[in-house]
Protein backbone atom coordinates (compact mmCIF):
# COMPACT_ATOMS: atom_id res chain seq x y z
CA MET A 1 10.77 5.87 -21.72
CA THR A 2 9.52 8.89 -20.34
CA LEU A 3 7.84 9.36 -17.00
CA PRO A 4 4.22 10.75 -18.50
CA THR A 5 4.56 7.91 -21.20
CA LYS A 6 5.08 5.35 -17.80
CA ALA A 7 2.10 7.73 -16.20
CA LEU A 8 -0.31 7.12 -19.05
CA ILE A 9 0.70 3.08 -19.47
CA VAL A 10 -0.20 2.81 -15.50
CA VAL A 11 -3.17 4.88 -15.81
CA MET A 12 -4.92 3.00 -19.29
CA ALA A 13 -3.94 0.01 -17.11
CA SER A 14 -5.29 0.71 -13.68
CA PRO A 15 -8.75 -0.66 -14.84
CA PHE A 16 -7.40 -3.94 -15.16
CA VAL A 17 -6.10 -3.92 -11.83
CA ALA A 18 -9.38 -2.93 -10.59
CA LEU A 19 -11.12 -6.06 -12.80
CA GLY A 20 -8.56 -8.48 -11.21
CA LEU A 21 -9.53 -7.41 -7.81
CA ILE A 22 -13.20 -8.03 -9.07
CA LEU A 23 -12.38 -11.59 -10.33
CA ILE A 24 -10.80 -12.86 -7.51
CA SER A 25 -13.19 -11.55 -5.15
CA GLY A 26 -15.93 -14.37 -6.49
CA ARG A 27 -19.09 -13.96 -6.82
CA ASP A 28 -20.34 -15.17 -3.31
CA GLY A 29 -20.26 -11.55 -1.93
CA VAL A 30 -23.50 -9.59 -0.92
CA LEU A 31 -25.49 -7.99 -3.32
CA LEU A 32 -26.86 -4.32 -3.84
CA GLY A 33 -29.71 -4.77 -6.29
CA GLN A 34 -27.91 -7.03 -8.80
CA ILE A 35 -24.09 -5.57 -8.19
CA PRO A 36 -21.75 -7.09 -5.84
CA VAL A 37 -21.27 -4.61 -2.62
CA PHE A 38 -17.32 -5.36 -2.87
CA ASP A 39 -17.51 -4.19 -7.04
CA LEU A 40 -18.86 -1.09 -5.74
CA CYS A 41 -16.13 -0.44 -3.37
CA ILE A 42 -13.14 -1.06 -5.92
CA ALA A 43 -15.33 1.42 -8.23
CA VAL A 44 -15.88 4.13 -5.36
CA ALA A 45 -11.78 3.99 -4.54
CA PHE A 46 -11.37 5.07 -7.92
CA LEU A 47 -13.96 7.33 -8.91
CA CYS A 48 -13.02 9.48 -5.37
CA GLN A 49 -9.61 9.76 -6.66
CA TRP A 50 -10.19 10.79 -10.52
CA LEU A 51 -12.57 13.29 -9.10
CA ALA A 52 -9.97 14.93 -5.98
CA PHE A 53 -7.35 14.88 -9.18
CA VAL A 54 -9.38 17.84 -11.09
CA PRO A 55 -9.23 20.22 -8.76
CA SER A 56 -5.78 19.10 -7.40
CA TYR A 57 -4.55 19.98 -11.31
CA LEU A 58 -6.70 23.09 -11.76
CA TYR A 59 -5.24 24.67 -8.73
CA GLN A 60 -1.92 23.21 -8.27
CA THR A 61 -2.22 21.85 -4.95
CA GLU A 62 -1.45 18.67 -2.68
CA HIS A 63 -2.81 19.89 0.08
CA TYR A 64 -5.88 17.48 0.13
CA PHE A 65 -3.77 14.22 -1.13
CA ASP A 66 -3.31 13.00 1.83
CA LEU A 67 -6.90 13.52 3.05
CA SER A 68 -8.63 12.39 0.45
CA GLY A 69 -6.79 8.75 0.70
CA SER A 70 -8.34 8.70 4.25
CA ALA A 71 -11.77 10.11 3.17
CA THR A 72 -11.59 7.07 0.17
CA TYR A 73 -10.58 4.39 2.75
CA ILE A 74 -13.34 5.53 4.91
CA SER A 75 -16.22 5.74 2.19
CA VAL A 76 -15.36 2.23 1.03
CA ALA A 77 -15.10 0.48 4.74
CA THR A 78 -18.54 2.19 5.60
CA LEU A 79 -19.99 1.40 2.02
CA ALA A 80 -18.79 -2.21 2.41
CA LEU A 81 -20.13 -2.00 6.58
CA VAL A 82 -23.50 -0.65 5.55
CA PHE A 83 -24.45 -3.00 2.54
CA GLY A 84 -22.53 -6.12 3.44
CA ALA A 85 -21.35 -6.77 7.09
CA SER A 86 -24.98 -7.87 8.02
CA GLY A 87 -24.45 -7.15 11.76
CA ASP A 88 -21.49 -9.60 11.82
CA PRO A 89 -18.78 -8.81 14.57
CA ARG A 90 -15.98 -9.65 12.78
CA SER A 91 -17.23 -7.63 9.97
CA ILE A 92 -18.00 -4.39 11.89
CA LEU A 93 -14.64 -4.86 13.92
CA LEU A 94 -12.61 -5.27 10.34
CA ALA A 95 -14.41 -1.52 8.94
CA THR A 96 -13.68 -0.02 12.52
CA LEU A 97 -9.92 -0.59 12.75
CA ILE A 98 -9.78 1.07 8.85
CA MET A 99 -11.85 3.83 10.09
CA VAL A 100 -10.01 4.51 12.93
CA TRP A 101 -6.52 4.60 10.93
CA ALA A 102 -7.89 6.18 8.05
CA ILE A 103 -9.07 9.13 10.47
CA ARG A 104 -6.03 9.53 12.62
CA LEU A 105 -3.44 9.27 9.78
CA GLY A 106 -5.66 11.42 7.09
CA THR A 107 -5.52 14.24 10.23
CA PHE A 108 -2.27 14.31 11.22
CA LEU A 109 -0.58 14.25 7.40
CA PHE A 110 -3.06 16.85 6.55
CA SER A 111 -1.91 18.97 9.22
CA ARG A 112 1.43 18.40 9.04
CA VAL A 113 1.33 19.61 5.03
CA ARG A 114 -0.91 22.53 6.26
CA LYS A 115 1.63 23.61 8.82
CA LYS A 116 4.55 23.19 6.43
CA GLY A 117 2.72 24.73 2.98
CA SER A 118 3.37 22.49 0.56
CA ASP A 119 4.47 18.75 0.18
CA SER A 120 8.26 18.00 -1.28
CA ARG A 121 7.20 14.91 -3.10
CA PHE A 122 5.01 17.59 -5.08
CA VAL A 123 7.03 19.79 -6.68
CA GLU A 124 7.43 18.31 -10.05
CA ILE A 125 4.47 16.34 -10.00
CA LEU A 126 1.81 18.92 -10.01
CA PRO A 127 2.61 20.50 -13.19
CA SER A 128 2.40 17.87 -14.96
CA PHE A 129 -1.19 16.33 -16.45
CA ARG A 130 -0.12 13.07 -16.59
CA VAL A 131 1.61 12.22 -13.80
CA ASN A 132 -0.66 14.03 -11.27
CA LEU A 133 -3.36 11.57 -12.69
CA LEU A 134 -0.85 8.51 -12.05
CA THR A 135 -0.16 9.95 -8.38
CA TRP A 136 -4.05 9.72 -7.67
CA THR A 137 -4.42 6.76 -9.58
CA LEU A 138 -1.92 4.84 -7.85
CA GLN A 139 -3.62 5.80 -4.71
CA ALA A 140 -6.88 4.81 -5.54
CA ILE A 141 -4.83 1.13 -6.58
CA TRP A 142 -3.18 1.70 -2.78
CA VAL A 143 -6.60 1.66 -0.89
CA SER A 144 -7.77 -0.87 -3.39
CA VAL A 145 -5.26 -3.73 -2.91
CA THR A 146 -4.83 -2.97 0.81
CA ALA A 147 -8.27 -2.97 1.80
CA ALA A 148 -9.17 -5.75 -0.54
CA CYS A 149 -9.00 -8.69 2.02
CA ALA A 150 -11.11 -7.05 4.71
CA LEU A 151 -13.66 -5.64 2.34
CA VAL A 152 -14.47 -9.46 0.71
CA ALA A 153 -14.54 -10.74 3.95
CA ILE A 154 -16.78 -7.50 5.08
CA THR A 155 -19.39 -8.44 2.25
CA SER A 156 -19.02 -12.20 2.10
CA ALA A 157 -22.15 -14.15 2.18
CA THR A 158 -20.18 -16.55 4.77
CA LYS A 159 -19.97 -15.11 8.17
CA VAL A 160 -17.29 -16.61 10.63
CA PRO A 161 -17.59 -15.79 14.29
CA ILE A 162 -15.26 -14.25 16.47
CA ASP A 163 -11.90 -16.59 16.70
CA GLY A 164 -8.45 -16.95 17.41
CA TRP A 165 -7.80 -15.25 14.09
CA ALA A 166 -9.66 -12.41 14.93
CA ILE A 167 -8.03 -11.61 18.40
CA LEU A 168 -4.52 -12.37 16.77
CA GLY A 169 -5.55 -10.24 14.12
CA LEU A 170 -6.51 -7.18 16.52
CA ILE A 171 -3.60 -8.02 18.67
CA LEU A 172 -1.00 -7.20 15.76
CA TRP A 173 -3.12 -4.49 14.57
CA CYS A 174 -2.89 -2.58 17.92
CA ALA A 175 0.48 -2.64 18.04
CA GLY A 176 0.94 -1.72 14.92
CA PHE A 177 -1.11 1.43 15.26
CA ALA A 178 0.05 2.23 18.66
CA ILE A 179 3.74 1.86 17.53
CA GLU A 180 2.54 4.39 14.12
CA VAL A 181 0.77 7.02 16.53
CA ILE A 182 3.60 7.02 19.04
CA ALA A 183 6.64 7.30 16.70
CA ASP A 184 4.64 9.92 14.52
CA HIS A 185 4.04 11.82 18.40
CA GLN A 186 7.86 11.75 19.05
CA LYS A 187 8.76 13.15 15.63
CA GLN A 188 5.94 16.15 15.59
CA VAL A 189 6.93 17.24 19.34
CA PHE A 190 11.33 16.57 18.08
CA ARG A 191 10.41 19.11 14.88
CA SER A 192 8.41 21.68 17.30
CA LYS A 193 11.69 22.85 18.64
CA PRO A 194 13.51 25.39 17.15
CA GLU A 195 16.70 24.10 18.04
CA ASN A 196 15.90 20.60 16.11
CA ALA A 197 15.42 22.32 13.05
CA ARG A 198 18.51 20.90 11.74
CA ARG A 199 18.61 18.03 13.35
CA PHE A 200 17.43 14.05 12.76
CA ILE A 201 15.64 12.56 15.26
CA THR A 202 17.44 9.52 17.26
CA THR A 203 15.06 8.95 20.15
CA GLY A 204 12.50 7.21 21.26
CA LEU A 205 11.39 4.59 18.96
CA TRP A 206 13.50 6.08 16.21
CA ALA A 207 16.32 5.33 18.31
CA TRP A 208 15.57 1.31 17.55
CA SER A 209 14.28 1.92 13.60
CA ARG A 210 15.08 4.88 11.26
CA HIS A 211 11.59 4.11 10.18
CA PRO A 212 9.12 3.39 13.07
CA ASN A 213 5.97 4.84 11.83
CA TYR A 214 6.32 2.59 8.63
CA LEU A 215 7.15 -0.62 10.64
CA GLY A 216 3.83 0.28 12.35
CA GLU A 217 1.63 0.76 8.99
CA ILE A 218 2.97 -2.84 8.22
CA MET A 219 1.99 -4.34 11.18
CA LEU A 220 -1.72 -3.27 11.36
CA TRP A 221 -2.48 -4.06 7.84
CA THR A 222 -0.68 -7.61 8.41
CA GLY A 223 -3.55 -7.56 11.63
CA VAL A 224 -5.76 -7.09 9.22
CA ALA A 225 -5.25 -9.33 6.67
CA VAL A 226 -4.76 -12.25 9.66
CA MET A 227 -8.69 -11.39 10.54
CA ALA A 228 -9.99 -11.69 7.60
CA LEU A 229 -8.00 -14.69 6.57
CA PRO A 230 -10.45 -17.24 8.31
CA VAL A 231 -13.76 -16.00 5.95
CA LEU A 232 -11.70 -15.91 2.63
CA GLN A 233 -12.22 -18.55 -0.09
CA GLY A 234 -10.67 -19.62 -2.98
CA TRP A 235 -9.32 -16.98 -5.45
CA GLN A 236 -10.06 -14.66 -2.66
CA PHE A 237 -6.79 -15.59 -0.73
CA LEU A 238 -4.66 -13.65 -3.14
CA THR A 239 -6.25 -10.89 -1.36
CA LEU A 240 -3.91 -11.29 1.29
CA MET A 241 -1.29 -9.45 -0.95
CA SER A 242 -2.28 -6.52 1.11
CA PRO A 243 0.47 -6.34 3.62
CA PHE A 244 3.06 -7.41 1.39
CA PHE A 245 2.07 -4.93 -0.69
CA VAL A 246 1.96 -2.06 1.87
CA TYR A 247 5.48 -3.13 2.62
CA TYR A 248 6.81 -2.98 -0.85
CA LEU A 249 5.37 0.40 -1.54
CA LEU A 250 7.08 1.51 2.15
CA THR A 251 10.16 0.05 1.28
CA ARG A 252 10.56 0.11 -2.26
CA VAL A 253 8.67 3.27 -3.58
CA SER A 254 7.34 5.98 -1.71
CA GLY A 255 8.57 5.02 1.85
CA ILE A 256 11.91 4.43 2.93
CA GLU A 257 14.12 4.73 -0.53
CA MET A 258 12.41 7.87 -1.04
CA GLN A 259 12.94 9.56 2.71
CA GLU A 260 16.69 7.94 2.75
CA ARG A 261 17.70 9.55 -0.33
CA GLN A 262 16.19 13.37 0.98
CA ASN A 263 17.85 12.66 4.35
CA ASP A 264 21.16 11.62 2.51
CA LYS A 265 21.23 14.89 0.67
CA THR A 266 19.87 17.08 4.06
CA TRP A 267 22.89 15.18 6.32
CA SER A 268 24.98 14.53 3.67
CA SER A 269 28.04 16.03 5.96
CA ASP A 270 26.72 15.54 8.65
CA PRO A 271 28.69 11.85 10.32
CA THR A 272 26.60 11.75 13.16
CA TYR A 273 23.57 11.18 10.73
CA TRP A 274 26.14 8.43 8.73
CA ARG A 275 26.86 6.74 12.06
CA TYR A 276 23.24 6.50 13.10
CA LYS A 277 22.63 5.23 9.76
CA GLU A 278 25.21 2.73 10.07
CA THR A 279 24.16 1.56 13.30
CA THR A 280 20.40 1.55 13.10
CA PRO A 281 17.57 -0.34 11.51
CA ALA A 282 15.97 0.94 8.46
CA LEU A 283 12.85 -0.89 9.74
CA TRP A 284 12.97 -4.23 11.83
CA PRO A 285 14.28 -3.00 15.33
CA LEU A 286 17.17 -5.59 16.83
CA THR A 287 18.74 -6.33 13.58
CA ARG A 288 21.91 -4.71 11.80
CA ILE A 289 22.74 -4.54 8.21
CA SER A 290 25.52 -4.46 6.52
CA GLY A 291 27.25 -0.93 4.85
CA SER A 292 26.21 -2.76 1.14
CA GLN A 293 22.87 -2.99 2.24
CA GLN A 294 22.56 0.03 3.73
CA SER A 295 23.31 1.67 0.63
CA ALA A 296 21.16 -0.30 -1.38
CA LEU A 297 18.45 0.83 0.76
């Protein structure tokens, strides 16, 4: 099966993903008119991405992909907060944390692409209508699934006061956010020096993990899920797949696996790189993995 065919199947299946999220969210959420606010959030996530796809394909540009993803997170979080939070502290905290993360990451990735001039991931994606549409559709699914537990909690008619779960979740989010920001900053400073143009970073957090930014991402979404947990009930607990979904994407789809292939190609003849890869965990600090596991990553 060719990639364009697979892309078409995924795009056609995406409404069922949205419907599945809507069904497991339950019907006890706050309504806007006769429509649950949660349902509107999911619809807005897909609408934003499909609208953004149009200029991306027409003008063959990927410059606004990451910024569009962040804008979509901010849009659905704002929609949920304005019409579903009802002044609830936990809901306000959840929406605020999502928006803070989205603004920081979106602007960082946008400025990085603008500085580089292009995103290498999109070289083969842009010309194909189906694959290009698939990419934007996957981003809509990414937004919907990762934010689902928070959106359910924010728009739920049931409100739970700030408790130990909320504090624990906030601690996890803050730790993850700090790790992601510090790791991105360290790499940005490293790359800004001309002498490092053909080198790879092994200092700071990168001495402990080959992908500390992804570690921070997984941790902060785990924190969001922990904060949302006390509000969920019944089938809504399935939305706690959020951090597991983030983990899968970052380790098996568009994160570590893709980055490692590129790194292996770039520094294939550099023994220092292979030594770093053999002695530094891919994700979790203070762990060591065998050579066979390394190659599997």
